C-alpha atoms as a PDB file:
ATOM      1  CA  MET A   1      49.142 -26.746  14.269  1.00  0.00           C
ATOM      2  CA  LYS A   2      46.001 -28.813  14.937  1.00  0.00           C
ATOM      3  CA  GLN A   3      44.583 -30.498  11.817  1.00  0.00           C
ATOM      4  CA  ILE A   4      40.813 -30.651  11.223  1.00  0.00           C
ATOM      5  CA  PRO A   5      39.699 -34.315  11.130  1.00  0.00           C
ATOM      6  CA  ASN A   6      38.687 -35.565   7.678  1.00  0.00           C
ATOM      7  CA  ASN A   7      35.362 -36.787   9.054  1.00  0.00           C
ATOM      8  CA  SER A   8      34.498 -33.251  10.256  1.00  0.00           C
ATOM      9  CA  ILE A   9      35.400 -31.811   6.829  1.00  0.00           C
ATOM     10  CA  ARG A  10      33.182 -34.395   5.111  1.00  0.00           C
ATOM     11  CA  GLN A  11      30.358 -33.605   7.520  1.00  0.00           C
ATOM     12  CA  ILE A  12      30.640 -29.861   6.885  1.00  0.00           C
ATOM     13  CA  LEU A  13      30.713 -30.342   3.102  1.00  0.00           C
ATOM     14  CA  ILE A  14      27.667 -32.622   3.132  1.00  0.00           C
ATOM     15  CA  LEU A  15      25.747 -30.209   5.403  1.00  0.00           C
ATOM     16  CA  ALA A  16      26.697 -27.278   3.168  1.00  0.00           C
ATOM     17  CA  THR A  17      25.490 -29.216   0.101  1.00  0.00           C
ATOM     18  CA  ILE A  18      22.211 -30.159   1.822  1.00  0.00           C
ATOM     19  CA  ILE A  19      21.581 -26.559   2.944  1.00  0.00           C
ATOM     20  CA  THR A  20      22.403 -25.171  -0.524  1.00  0.00           C
ATOM     21  CA  LEU A  21      20.108 -27.647  -2.277  1.00  0.00           C
ATOM     22  CA  GLY A  22      17.421 -26.976   0.345  1.00  0.00           C
ATOM     23  CA  ILE A  23      17.560 -23.219  -0.317  1.00  0.00           C
ATOM     24  CA  ILE A  24      17.381 -23.770  -4.104  1.00  0.00           C
ATOM     25  CA  LEU A  25      14.431 -26.164  -3.810  1.00  0.00           C
ATOM     26  CA  PHE A  26      12.621 -23.867  -1.380  1.00  0.00           C
ATOM     27  CA  ASN A  27      13.011 -20.859  -3.684  1.00  0.00           C
ATOM     28  CA  GLN A  28      11.750 -22.815  -6.686  1.00  0.00           C
ATOM     29  CA  LEU A  29       8.823 -24.430  -4.863  1.00  0.00           C
ATOM     30  CA  SER A  30       7.816 -21.596  -2.540  1.00  0.00           C
ATOM     31  CA  TYR A  31       4.691 -20.908  -4.632  1.00  0.00           C
ATOM     32  CA  MET A  32       3.456 -24.366  -3.574  1.00  0.00           C
ATOM     33  CA  ILE A  33       3.530 -23.571   0.157  1.00  0.00           C
ATOM     34  CA  PRO A  34      -0.203 -22.648   0.313  1.00  0.00           C
ATOM     35  CA  ALA A  35      -1.057 -25.926  -1.467  1.00  0.00           C
ATOM     36  CA  PHE A  36       1.031 -27.909   1.018  1.00  0.00           C
ATOM     37  CA  LEU A  37      -0.511 -26.105   3.987  1.00  0.00           C
ATOM     38  CA  GLY A  38      -3.999 -26.713   2.593  1.00  0.00           C
ATOM     39  CA  ALA A  39      -3.192 -30.405   2.137  1.00  0.00           C
ATOM     40  CA  TYR A  40      -1.932 -30.633   5.719  1.00  0.00           C
ATOM     41  CA  THR A  41      -5.112 -28.958   6.993  1.00  0.00           C
ATOM     42  CA  LEU A  42      -7.327 -31.467   5.186  1.00  0.00           C
ATOM     43  CA  TYR A  43      -5.079 -34.329   6.317  1.00  0.00           C
ATOM     44  CA  VAL A  44      -5.519 -33.371   9.976  1.00  0.00           C
ATOM     45  CA  LEU A  45      -9.303 -33.232   9.497  1.00  0.00           C
ATOM     46  CA  LEU A  46      -9.506 -36.513   7.531  1.00  0.00           C
ATOM     47  CA  ARG A  47      -6.803 -38.726   9.096  1.00  0.00           C
ATOM     48  CA  LYS A  48      -9.115 -40.107  11.786  1.00  0.00           C
ATOM     49  CA  TRP A  49     -11.657 -41.301   9.195  1.00  0.00           C
ATOM     50  CA  MET A  50      -8.884 -42.627   6.979  1.00  0.00           C
ATOM     51  CA  PHE A  51      -7.515 -44.783   9.782  1.00  0.00           C
ATOM     52  CA  ILE A  52     -11.001 -45.956  10.876  1.00  0.00           C
ATOM     53  CA  LEU A  53     -12.123 -47.009   7.380  1.00  0.00           C
ATOM     54  CA  GLN A  54      -8.783 -48.568   6.560  1.00  0.00           C
ATOM     55  CA  GLY A  55      -8.156 -50.275   9.915  1.00  0.00           C
ATOM     56  CA  ARG A  56     -11.590 -51.234  11.229  1.00  0.00           C
ATOM     57  CA  TYR A  57     -13.429 -51.844   7.964  1.00  0.00           C
ATOM     58  CA  LYS A  58     -10.421 -52.992   5.892  1.00  0.00           C
ATOM     59  CA  TRP A  59     -11.076 -50.576   3.028  1.00  0.00           C
ATOM     60  CA  ASN A  60      -8.468 -50.244   0.314  1.00  0.00           C
ATOM     61  CA  LYS A  61      -6.079 -47.347   1.038  1.00  0.00           C
ATOM     62  CA  SER A  62      -6.294 -45.746  -2.391  1.00  0.00           C
ATOM     63  CA  LEU A  63     -10.095 -46.110  -2.540  1.00  0.00           C
ATOM     64  CA  THR A  64     -10.528 -44.664   0.963  1.00  0.00           C
ATOM     65  CA  ALA A  65      -8.272 -41.706   0.175  1.00  0.00           C
ATOM     66  CA  ALA A  66     -10.128 -41.044  -3.097  1.00  0.00           C
ATOM     67  CA  ILE A  67     -13.564 -41.111  -1.410  1.00  0.00           C
ATOM     68  CA  LEU A  68     -12.487 -38.806   1.425  1.00  0.00           C
ATOM     69  CA  MET A  69     -10.859 -36.408  -1.038  1.00  0.00           C
ATOM     70  CA  LEU A  70     -14.010 -36.381  -3.181  1.00  0.00           C
ATOM     71  CA  LEU A  71     -16.223 -35.639  -0.172  1.00  0.00           C
ATOM     72  CA  SER A  72     -13.935 -32.833   1.023  1.00  0.00           C
ATOM     73  CA  PHE A  73     -13.786 -31.449  -2.513  1.00  0.00           C
ATOM     74  CA  LEU A  74     -17.584 -31.380  -2.760  1.00  0.00           C
ATOM     75  CA  ILE A  75     -17.922 -29.696   0.640  1.00  0.00           C
ATOM     76  CA  ILE A  76     -15.422 -27.027  -0.403  1.00  0.00           C
ATOM     77  CA  LEU A  77     -16.546 -26.731  -4.022  1.00  0.00           C
ATOM     78  CA  LEU A  78     -20.332 -26.525  -3.628  1.00  0.00           C
ATOM     79  CA  PRO A  79     -20.332 -23.172  -1.757  1.00  0.00           C
ATOM     80  CA  ILE A  80     -17.858 -21.781  -4.304  1.00  0.00           C
ATOM     81  CA  LEU A  81     -20.034 -22.944  -7.214  1.00  0.00           C
ATOM     82  CA  LEU A  82     -23.068 -21.426  -5.492  1.00  0.00           C
ATOM     83  CA  VAL A  83     -21.365 -18.055  -5.183  1.00  0.00           C
ATOM     84  CA  ILE A  84     -20.045 -18.186  -8.761  1.00  0.00           C
ATOM     85  CA  ASN A  85     -23.545 -18.979 -10.025  1.00  0.00           C
ATOM     86  CA  MET A  86     -25.044 -16.084  -8.035  1.00  0.00           C
ATOM     87  CA  LEU A  87     -22.355 -13.635  -9.163  1.00  0.00           C
ATOM     88  CA  THR A  88     -22.638 -14.805 -12.794  1.00  0.00           C
ATOM     89  CA  THR A  89     -26.378 -14.146 -12.685  1.00  0.00           C
ATOM     90  CA  LYS A  90     -25.782 -10.674 -11.262  1.00  0.00           C
ATOM     91  CA  ILE A  91     -23.092  -9.856 -13.833  1.00  0.00           C
ATOM     92  CA  ALA A  92     -25.260 -11.132 -16.700  1.00  0.00           C
ATOM     93  CA  PHE A  93     -28.171  -8.991 -15.501  1.00  0.00           C
ATOM     94  CA  ALA A  94     -25.905  -5.940 -15.194  1.00  0.00           C
ATOM     95  CA  MET A  95     -24.570  -6.467 -18.728  1.00  0.00           C
ATOM     96  CA  GLU A  96     -28.069  -6.870 -20.189  1.00  0.00           C
ATOM     97  CA  HIS A  97     -29.213  -3.687 -18.417  1.00  0.00           C
ATOM     98  CA  SER A  98     -25.905  -1.848 -18.523  1.00  0.00           C
ATOM     99  CA  GLN A  99     -27.448   1.410 -19.710  1.00  0.00           C
ATOM    100  CA  GLU A 100     -29.985   1.454 -16.864  1.00  0.00           C
ATOM    101  CA  VAL A 101     -27.307   0.538 -14.332  1.00  0.00           C
ATOM    102  CA  LEU A 102     -24.991   3.305 -15.549  1.00  0.00           C
ATOM    103  CA  SER A 103     -27.818   5.847 -15.619  1.00  0.00           C
ATOM    104  CA  SER A 104     -28.859   4.904 -12.090  1.00  0.00           C
ATOM    105  CA  LEU A 105     -25.258   5.104 -10.876  1.00  0.00           C
ATOM    106  CA  GLN A 106     -24.724   8.455 -12.566  1.00  0.00           C
ATOM    107  CA  ALA A 107     -27.935   9.844 -11.068  1.00  0.00           C
ATOM    108  CA  PHE A 108     -26.855   8.693  -7.611  1.00  0.00           C
ATOM    109  CA  ILE A 109     -23.410  10.275  -7.995  1.00  0.00           C
ATOM    110  CA  GLU A 110     -24.888  13.553  -9.277  1.00  0.00           C
ATOM    111  CA  LYS A 111     -27.231  13.585  -6.290  1.00  0.00           C
ATOM    112  CA  ILE A 112     -24.289  13.196  -3.914  1.00  0.00           C
ATOM    113  CA  GLU A 113     -22.356  15.896  -5.781  1.00  0.00           C
ATOM    114  CA  SER A 114     -25.189  18.416  -5.553  1.00  0.00           C
ATOM    115  CA  GLN A 115     -26.001  17.578  -1.936  1.00  0.00           C
ATOM    116  CA  TYR A 116     -22.454  17.794  -0.569  1.00  0.00           C
ATOM    117  CA  LYS A 117     -21.033  20.306  -3.093  1.00  0.00           C
ATOM    118  CA  ILE A 118     -18.271  17.982  -4.269  1.00  0.00           C
ATOM    119  CA  GLN A 119     -17.188  16.733  -7.683  1.00  0.00           C
ATOM    120  CA  ILE A 120     -16.737  12.980  -8.134  1.00  0.00           C
ATOM    121  CA  LEU A 121     -16.985  12.385 -11.905  1.00  0.00           C
ATOM    122  CA  THR A 122     -13.891  14.344 -12.920  1.00  0.00           C
ATOM    123  CA  ASP A 123     -11.715  13.391 -15.891  1.00  0.00           C
ATOM    124  CA  ALA A 124      -8.878  12.489 -13.515  1.00  0.00           C
ATOM    125  CA  ASN A 125     -11.106  10.165 -11.483  1.00  0.00           C
ATOM    126  CA  LEU A 126     -12.490   8.493 -14.602  1.00  0.00           C
ATOM    127  CA  ASP A 127      -8.922   7.920 -15.875  1.00  0.00           C
ATOM    128  CA  LYS A 128      -7.996   6.378 -12.500  1.00  0.00           C
ATOM    129  CA  ILE A 129     -11.037   4.070 -12.605  1.00  0.00           C
ATOM    130  CA  THR A 130     -10.191   2.991 -16.168  1.00  0.00           C
ATOM    131  CA  THR A 131      -6.550   2.363 -15.281  1.00  0.00           C
ATOM    132  CA  TRP A 132      -7.542   0.437 -12.154  1.00  0.00           C
ATOM    133  CA  GLY A 133      -9.948  -1.720 -14.166  1.00  0.00           C
ATOM    134  CA  SER A 134      -7.401  -2.503 -16.892  1.00  0.00           C
ATOM    135  CA  ASN A 135      -4.828  -3.475 -14.244  1.00  0.00           C
ATOM    136  CA  THR A 136      -7.215  -5.436 -12.039  1.00  0.00           C
ATOM    137  CA  VAL A 137      -8.900  -7.710 -14.608  1.00  0.00           C
ATOM    138  CA  PRO A 138      -5.638  -9.468 -15.682  1.00  0.00           C
ATOM    139  CA  LYS A 139      -4.734  -9.930 -11.995  1.00  0.00           C
ATOM    140  CA  ILE A 140      -8.120 -11.529 -11.294  1.00  0.00           C
ATOM    141  CA  LEU A 141      -7.703 -13.895 -14.257  1.00  0.00           C
ATOM    142  CA  ALA A 142      -4.156 -14.814 -13.172  1.00  0.00           C
ATOM    143  CA  SER A 143      -5.312 -15.306  -9.598  1.00  0.00           C
ATOM    144  CA  THR A 144      -8.129 -17.593 -10.783  1.00  0.00           C
ATOM    145  CA  PHE A 145      -5.662 -19.756 -12.709  1.00  0.00           C
ATOM    146  CA  ASP A 146      -3.266 -19.864  -9.747  1.00  0.00           C
ATOM    147  CA  THR A 147      -6.130 -20.884  -7.438  1.00  0.00           C
ATOM    148  CA  ILE A 148      -7.202 -23.763  -9.711  1.00  0.00           C
ATOM    149  CA  PHE A 149      -3.606 -24.922 -10.079  1.00  0.00           C
ATOM    150  CA  GLY A 150      -3.099 -24.665  -6.303  1.00  0.00           C
ATOM    151  CA  ILE A 151      -6.199 -26.805  -5.634  1.00  0.00           C
ATOM    152  CA  VAL A 152      -4.931 -29.497  -8.024  1.00  0.00           C
ATOM    153  CA  ILE A 153      -1.514 -29.557  -6.341  1.00  0.00           C
ATOM    154  CA  MET A 154      -3.124 -29.541  -2.881  1.00  0.00           C
ATOM    155  CA  TYR A 155      -5.168 -32.682  -3.617  1.00  0.00           C
ATOM    156  CA  PHE A 156      -2.182 -34.337  -5.275  1.00  0.00           C
ATOM    157  CA  ILE A 157      -0.185 -33.860  -2.051  1.00  0.00           C
ATOM    158  CA  LEU A 158      -3.168 -34.826   0.116  1.00  0.00           C
ATOM    159  CA  TYR A 159      -3.542 -38.169  -1.656  1.00  0.00           C
ATOM    160  CA  PHE A 160      -0.041 -39.283  -0.703  1.00  0.00           C
ATOM    161  CA  MET A 161      -0.454 -37.886   2.815  1.00  0.00           C
ATOM    162  CA  LEU A 162      -3.574 -40.009   3.328  1.00  0.00           C
ATOM    163  CA  VAL A 163      -2.220 -43.164   1.691  1.00  0.00           C
ATOM    164  CA  ASP A 164       1.121 -43.001   3.539  1.00  0.00           C
ATOM    165  CA  GLY A 165      -0.198 -41.301   6.688  1.00  0.00           C
ATOM    166  CA  ARG A 166       1.094 -43.796   9.244  1.00  0.00           C
ATOM    167  CA  LYS A 167       4.518 -44.002   7.594  1.00  0.00           C
ATOM    168  CA  MET A 168       4.687 -40.198   7.393  1.00  0.00           C
ATOM    169  CA  GLU A 169       3.838 -39.754  11.070  1.00  0.00           C
ATOM    170  CA  SER A 170       6.316 -42.469  12.071  1.00  0.00           C
ATOM    171  CA  SER A 171       9.045 -40.720  10.060  1.00  0.00           C
ATOM    172  CA  PHE A 172       8.119 -37.459  11.773  1.00  0.00           C
ATOM    173  CA  TYR A 173       8.785 -39.014  15.192  1.00  0.00           C
ATOM    174  CA  ASP A 174      12.049 -40.553  13.974  1.00  0.00           C
ATOM    175  CA  TRP A 175      13.460 -37.455  12.316  1.00  0.00           C
ATOM    176  CA  VAL A 176      12.456 -34.686  14.730  1.00  0.00           C
ATOM    177  CA  PRO A 177      15.429 -34.263  17.106  1.00  0.00           C
ATOM    178  CA  LEU A 178      13.342 -33.902  20.266  1.00  0.00           C
ATOM    179  CA  LYS A 179      12.348 -35.961  23.264  1.00  0.00           C
ATOM    180  CA  ASP A 180       9.286 -38.131  22.696  1.00  0.00           C
ATOM    181  CA  GLU A 181       7.120 -36.056  25.044  1.00  0.00           C
ATOM    182  CA  ASN A 182       8.108 -32.837  23.258  1.00  0.00           C
ATOM    183  CA  THR A 183       7.439 -34.388  19.850  1.00  0.00           C
ATOM    184  CA  LEU A 184       3.955 -35.354  21.063  1.00  0.00           C
ATOM    185  CA  LEU A 185       3.463 -31.823  22.432  1.00  0.00           C
ATOM    186  CA  LEU A 186       4.468 -30.307  19.077  1.00  0.00           C
ATOM    187  CA  ARG A 187       2.078 -32.532  17.141  1.00  0.00           C
ATOM    188  CA  LYS A 188      -0.748 -31.931  19.612  1.00  0.00           C
ATOM    189  CA  GLU A 189      -0.351 -28.145  19.391  1.00  0.00           C
ATOM    190  CA  LEU A 190      -0.224 -28.175  15.578  1.00  0.00           C
ATOM    191  CA  ASN A 191      -3.318 -30.365  15.244  1.00  0.00           C
ATOM    192  CA  SER A 192      -5.199 -28.359  17.885  1.00  0.00           C
ATOM    193  CA  MET A 193      -4.523 -25.103  16.044  1.00  0.00           C
ATOM    194  CA  VAL A 194      -5.571 -26.597  12.698  1.00  0.00           C
ATOM    195  CA  TYR A 195      -8.837 -27.868  14.193  1.00  0.00           C
ATOM    196  CA  SER A 196      -9.639 -24.602  15.959  1.00  0.00           C
ATOM    197  CA  ASN A 197      -9.065 -22.451  12.885  1.00  0.00           C
ATOM    198  CA  ALA A 198     -10.300 -24.795  10.141  1.00  0.00           C
ATOM    199  CA  ILE A 199     -13.567 -25.383  12.016  1.00  0.00           C
ATOM    200  CA  GLY A 200     -13.865 -22.175  14.039  1.00  0.00           C
ATOM    201  CA  ILE A 201     -13.407 -19.629  11.246  1.00  0.00           C
ATOM    202  CA  PRO A 202     -16.167 -21.029   8.945  1.00  0.00           C
ATOM    203  CA  LEU A 203     -18.435 -21.472  11.988  1.00  0.00           C
ATOM    204  CA  ILE A 204     -18.038 -17.802  12.955  1.00  0.00           C
ATOM    205  CA  ALA A 205     -18.595 -16.760   9.330  1.00  0.00           C
ATOM    206  CA  ILE A 206     -21.884 -18.696   9.234  1.00  0.00           C
ATOM    207  CA  LEU A 207     -22.938 -17.065  12.527  1.00  0.00           C
ATOM    208  CA  GLN A 208     -22.274 -13.631  11.055  1.00  0.00           C
ATOM    209  CA  GLY A 209     -24.149 -14.612   7.915  1.00  0.00           C
ATOM    210  CA  ILE A 210     -27.194 -15.684   9.958  1.00  0.00           C
ATOM    211  CA  VAL A 211     -27.167 -12.443  11.960  1.00  0.00           C
ATOM    212  CA  GLY A 212     -26.815 -10.495   8.713  1.00  0.00           C
ATOM    213  CA  LEU A 213     -29.672 -12.468   7.109  1.00  0.00           C
ATOM    214  CA  ILE A 214     -31.976 -11.529  10.002  1.00  0.00           C
ATOM    215  CA  GLY A 215     -31.244  -7.854   9.355  1.00  0.00           C
ATOM    216  CA  TYR A 216     -31.664  -8.231   5.599  1.00  0.00           C
ATOM    217  CA  LEU A 217     -35.080  -9.877   6.037  1.00  0.00           C
ATOM    218  CA  ILE A 218     -36.285  -7.268   8.553  1.00  0.00           C
ATOM    219  CA  LEU A 219     -35.193  -4.352   6.348  1.00  0.00           C
ATOM    220  CA  GLY A 220     -36.571  -5.934   3.188  1.00  0.00           C
ATOM    221  CA  VAL A 221     -33.287  -6.272   1.284  1.00  0.00           C
ATOM    222  CA  GLU A 222     -33.764  -7.673  -2.204  1.00  0.00           C
ATOM    223  CA  GLU A 223     -32.350 -11.216  -2.592  1.00  0.00           C
ATOM    224  CA  PRO A 224     -31.412 -11.614   1.085  1.00  0.00           C
ATOM    225  CA  TRP A 225     -30.049 -15.151   0.565  1.00  0.00           C
ATOM    226  CA  PHE A 226     -27.550 -13.855  -1.963  1.00  0.00           C
ATOM    227  CA  TRP A 227     -26.284 -11.323   0.560  1.00  0.00           C
ATOM    228  CA  PHE A 228     -26.282 -14.032   3.248  1.00  0.00           C
ATOM    229  CA  VAL A 229     -23.819 -16.081   1.166  1.00  0.00           C
ATOM    230  CA  ILE A 230     -21.686 -13.003   0.433  1.00  0.00           C
ATOM    231  CA  THR A 231     -21.659 -12.133   4.158  1.00  0.00           C
ATOM    232  CA  CYS A 232     -20.539 -15.652   5.102  1.00  0.00           C
ATOM    233  CA  ILE A 233     -17.664 -15.561   2.624  1.00  0.00           C
ATOM    234  CA  THR A 234     -16.459 -12.040   3.358  1.00  0.00           C
ATOM    235  CA  ALA A 235     -16.719 -12.663   7.122  1.00  0.00           C
ATOM    236  CA  MET A 236     -13.714 -14.993   6.837  1.00  0.00           C
ATOM    237  CA  LEU A 237     -11.519 -12.158   5.570  1.00  0.00           C
ATOM    238  CA  PRO A 238      -9.407 -10.295   8.171  1.00  0.00           C
ATOM    239  CA  VAL A 239      -9.819  -6.630   9.132  1.00  0.00           C
ATOM    240  CA  VAL A 240     -12.665  -5.619   6.740  1.00  0.00           C
ATOM    241  CA  GLY A 241     -14.648  -8.875   7.000  1.00  0.00           C
ATOM    242  CA  ALA A 242     -18.430  -8.751   6.548  1.00  0.00           C
ATOM    243  CA  ALA A 243     -18.312  -4.979   5.952  1.00  0.00           C
ATOM    244  CA  ILE A 244     -17.662  -5.856   2.295  1.00  0.00           C
ATOM    245  CA  ALA A 245     -21.230  -7.219   2.267  1.00  0.00           C
ATOM    246  CA  TYR A 246     -23.342  -4.937   4.454  1.00  0.00           C
ATOM    247  CA  ILE A 247     -21.830  -1.623   3.292  1.00  0.00           C
ATOM    248  CA  PRO A 248     -22.879  -2.225  -0.368  1.00  0.00           C
ATOM    249  CA  VAL A 249     -26.355  -3.192   0.908  1.00  0.00           C
ATOM    250  CA  SER A 250     -26.494   0.110   2.776  1.00  0.00           C
ATOM    251  CA  LEU A 251     -25.351   1.996  -0.344  1.00  0.00           C
ATOM    252  CA  LEU A 252     -28.081   0.307  -2.385  1.00  0.00           C
ATOM    253  CA  PHE A 253     -30.649   1.721   0.035  1.00  0.00           C
ATOM    254  CA  PHE A 254     -29.130   5.194  -0.311  1.00  0.00           C
ATOM    255  CA  ALA A 255     -29.092   4.830  -4.108  1.00  0.00           C
ATOM    256  CA  ALA A 256     -32.814   3.940  -4.062  1.00  0.00           C
ATOM    257  CA  GLY A 257     -33.522   7.079  -2.023  1.00  0.00           C
ATOM    258  CA  ASN A 258     -34.225   5.151   1.197  1.00  0.00           C
ATOM    259  CA  SER A 259     -31.743   6.908   3.469  1.00  0.00           C
ATOM    260  CA  GLY A 260     -33.436   5.703   6.682  1.00  0.00           C
ATOM    261  CA  LYS A 261     -32.958   2.022   5.865  1.00  0.00           C
ATOM    262  CA  GLY A 262     -29.447   2.760   4.605  1.00  0.00           C
ATOM    263  CA  ILE A 263     -28.448   4.301   7.940  1.00  0.00           C
ATOM    264  CA  ILE A 264     -30.123   1.449   9.882  1.00  0.00           C
ATOM    265  CA  MET A 265     -28.318  -1.150   7.746  1.00  0.00           C
ATOM    266  CA  LEU A 266     -24.996   0.556   8.318  1.00  0.00           C
ATOM    267  CA  LEU A 267     -25.528   0.808  12.079  1.00  0.00           C
ATOM    268  CA  TYR A 268     -26.786  -2.786  12.241  1.00  0.00           C
ATOM    269  CA  GLY A 269     -23.736  -3.983  10.344  1.00  0.00           C
ATOM    270  CA  LEU A 270     -21.222  -2.077  12.447  1.00  0.00           C
ATOM    271  CA  GLY A 271     -22.962  -2.660  15.765  1.00  0.00           C
ATOM    272  CA  ILE A 272     -24.462  -6.151  15.476  1.00  0.00           C
ATOM    273  CA  ILE A 273     -22.829  -8.102  12.630  1.00  0.00           C
ATOM    274  CA  GLY A 274     -19.392  -6.750  13.538  1.00  0.00           C
ATOM    275  CA  THR A 275     -19.931  -7.570  17.213  1.00  0.00           C
ATOM    276  CA  VAL A 276     -20.555 -11.234  16.367  1.00  0.00           C
ATOM    277  CA  ASP A 277     -17.071 -11.389  14.878  1.00  0.00           C
ATOM    278  CA  ASN A 278     -15.397  -9.497  17.714  1.00  0.00           C
ATOM    279  CA  LEU A 279     -17.083 -11.470  20.499  1.00  0.00           C
ATOM    280  CA  PHE A 280     -17.468 -14.979  19.131  1.00  0.00           C
ATOM    281  CA  ARG A 281     -14.259 -15.330  17.070  1.00  0.00           C
ATOM    282  CA  PHE A 282     -11.996 -15.336  20.107  1.00  0.00           C
ATOM    283  CA  TRP A 283     -14.467 -17.255  22.291  1.00  0.00           C
ATOM    284  CA  VAL A 284     -15.066 -20.043  19.747  1.00  0.00           C
ATOM    285  CA  LEU A 285     -11.387 -20.447  18.870  1.00  0.00           C
ATOM    286  CA  LYS A 286     -10.423 -20.551  22.544  1.00  0.00           C
ATOM    287  CA  ARG A 287     -13.095 -23.168  23.304  1.00  0.00           C
ATOM    288  CA  ILE A 288     -12.126 -25.395  20.365  1.00  0.00           C
ATOM    289  CA  GLY A 289      -8.337 -25.137  20.606  1.00  0.00           C
ATOM    290  CA  ASP A 290      -7.615 -23.008  23.678  1.00  0.00           C
ATOM    291  CA  VAL A 291      -6.155 -20.287  21.456  1.00  0.00           C
ATOM    292  CA  HIS A 292      -5.377 -16.938  23.052  1.00  0.00           C
ATOM    293  CA  PRO A 293      -7.213 -14.013  21.367  1.00  0.00           C
ATOM    294  CA  LEU A 294      -3.967 -12.129  20.669  1.00  0.00           C
ATOM    295  CA  ILE A 295      -2.530 -15.174  18.864  1.00  0.00           C
ATOM    296  CA  THR A 296      -5.654 -15.348  16.710  1.00  0.00           C
ATOM    297  CA  GLY A 297      -5.744 -11.626  15.924  1.00  0.00           C
ATOM    298  CA  PHE A 298      -2.066 -11.104  15.068  1.00  0.00           C
ATOM    299  CA  GLY A 299      -1.772 -14.560  13.485  1.00  0.00           C
ATOM    300  CA  VAL A 300      -4.525 -13.901  10.940  1.00  0.00           C
ATOM    301  CA  ILE A 301      -2.933 -10.600   9.875  1.00  0.00           C
ATOM    302  CA  ILE A 302       0.527 -12.168   9.529  1.00  0.00           C
ATOM    303  CA  GLY A 303      -0.736 -15.346   7.879  1.00  0.00           C
ATOM    304  CA  VAL A 304      -2.767 -13.691   5.125  1.00  0.00           C
ATOM    305  CA  SER A 305       0.195 -11.537   4.080  1.00  0.00           C
ATOM    306  CA  LEU A 306       2.462 -14.628   3.970  1.00  0.00           C
ATOM    307  CA  PHE A 307       0.251 -17.410   2.589  1.00  0.00           C
ATOM    308  CA  GLY A 308      -2.880 -15.764   1.212  1.00  0.00           C
ATOM    309  CA  PHE A 309      -6.307 -17.114   2.161  1.00  0.00           C
ATOM    310  CA  ILE A 310      -4.916 -20.283   3.810  1.00  0.00           C
ATOM    311  CA  GLY A 311      -3.019 -17.922   6.156  1.00  0.00           C
ATOM    312  CA  LEU A 312      -6.298 -17.514   8.082  1.00  0.00           C
ATOM    313  CA  ILE A 313      -5.491 -20.954   9.499  1.00  0.00           C
ATOM    314  CA  PHE A 314      -1.691 -21.023   9.484  1.00  0.00           C
ATOM    315  CA  GLY A 315      -0.960 -17.494  10.669  1.00  0.00           C
ATOM    316  CA  PRO A 316      -2.044 -18.271  14.254  1.00  0.00           C
ATOM    317  CA  ILE A 317      -0.239 -21.626  13.964  1.00  0.00           C
ATOM    318  CA  LEU A 318       3.050 -19.828  13.251  1.00  0.00           C
ATOM    319  CA  ILE A 319       2.778 -17.767  16.421  1.00  0.00           C
ATOM    320  CA  SER A 320       1.685 -20.762  18.494  1.00  0.00           C
ATOM    321  CA  LEU A 321       4.516 -22.842  17.025  1.00  0.00           C
ATOM    322  CA  PHE A 322       7.010 -20.128  17.976  1.00  0.00           C
ATOM    323  CA  LEU A 323       5.766 -20.146  21.568  1.00  0.00           C
ATOM    324  CA  VAL A 324       5.693 -23.967  21.719  1.00  0.00           C
ATOM    325  CA  LEU A 325       9.265 -24.186  20.405  1.00  0.00           C
ATOM    326  CA  ILE A 326      10.391 -21.845  23.189  1.00  0.00           C
ATOM    327  CA  LYS A 327       8.687 -24.151  25.707  1.00  0.00           C
ATOM    328  CA  ILE A 328      10.256 -27.220  24.078  1.00  0.00           C
ATOM    329  CA  TYR A 329      13.694 -25.600  24.051  1.00  0.00           C
ATOM    330  CA  ALA A 330      13.428 -24.923  27.774  1.00  0.00           C
ATOM    331  CA  SER A 331      12.351 -28.538  28.352  1.00  0.00           C
ATOM    332  CA  GLU A 332      15.024 -30.070  26.120  1.00  0.00           C
ATOM    333  CA  PHE A 333      17.886 -28.226  27.773  1.00  0.00           C
ATOM    334  CA  ASN A 334      16.454 -28.155  31.309  1.00  0.00           C
ATOM    335  CA  ILE A 335      16.215 -24.365  31.469  1.00  0.00           C
ATOM    336  CA  GLN A 336      14.364 -23.339  34.593  1.00  0.00           C
ATOM    337  CA  LYS A 337      12.886 -20.014  35.686  1.00  0.00           C
ATOM    338  CA  GLY A 338      15.327 -17.910  37.591  1.00  0.00           C
ATOM    339  CA  GLY A 339      18.296 -20.022  36.600  1.00  0.00           C
ATOM    340  CA  GLY A 340      20.420 -21.198  33.713  1.00  0.00           C
ATOM    341  CA  ALA A 341      20.642 -24.493  31.847  1.00  0.00           C
ATOM    342  CA  ASN A 342      21.214 -27.517  33.995  1.00  0.00           C
ATOM    343  CA  GLY A 343      22.107 -29.880  31.184  1.00  0.00           C
ATOM    344  CA  ASN A 344      25.580 -31.140  30.345  1.00  0.00           C
END
């Protein structure tokens, strides 16, 4: 009876231990995946400047990383603070004039009820709204805390990525069990996808916001710049997108008794603002990173469900990575079309 070599047993035990510990660590740290992905995104965008300032101008590594992180934080934070300030102003106004707001809303609902012979303000519906509100507010507060914590962790990881960038990339080449040309291909594809999504998605959102702003100004929407910012932010969301902005604008027109402008706003949003997303999203992403439209479309849907907001970037990367790994596998093992593997 053939005996299993001791070295093979040791190897199996060590691999089993590594895999077990890996599964435990992954389960415990899975909530940090969005933070890690966000840090990697910023690293890809900032690494070039990190290497230039550190190599050409001999800046201190820690100082360079801190300055780049601060600049990226300000670029990300300022729009968020702007939106929070706008929304806070709106909420404060609504609370100060809550009675007028409720009366106006009730009058609008009663008008719809009488016009279309339906009943909206039933006891059952009011109970559902109350229940939804009581369940949603704690979730929003928890989500806000998780977002702040995630940003802190993201920048903590990013600091070490920037400071040890060259060592990290060198280790990547050493540890990835692929040919050098395939390792370069993998890195090129990953960086290309990060660039195309991290730059392309905000660019398309701004384009939609500008198109929306033109419509808001023409139709005489109150506070058009507020709705411009809301349009830019909601345009980055998959499926519904900027409709979260222009549909409420349309409803405000209906509530004010201006049905003509409400219909025009709705048609403009669906026909013009929505077309900007459908046409330019795929074109811009393909020009920046040569990303196929189907990869972008399905990737965004998959990514958001897996990683949350950062999935807008990493959803398409997952699909592209899957396709690249198939290409690399065929290259590594000399698999050719119409035939089998030619390797030993």
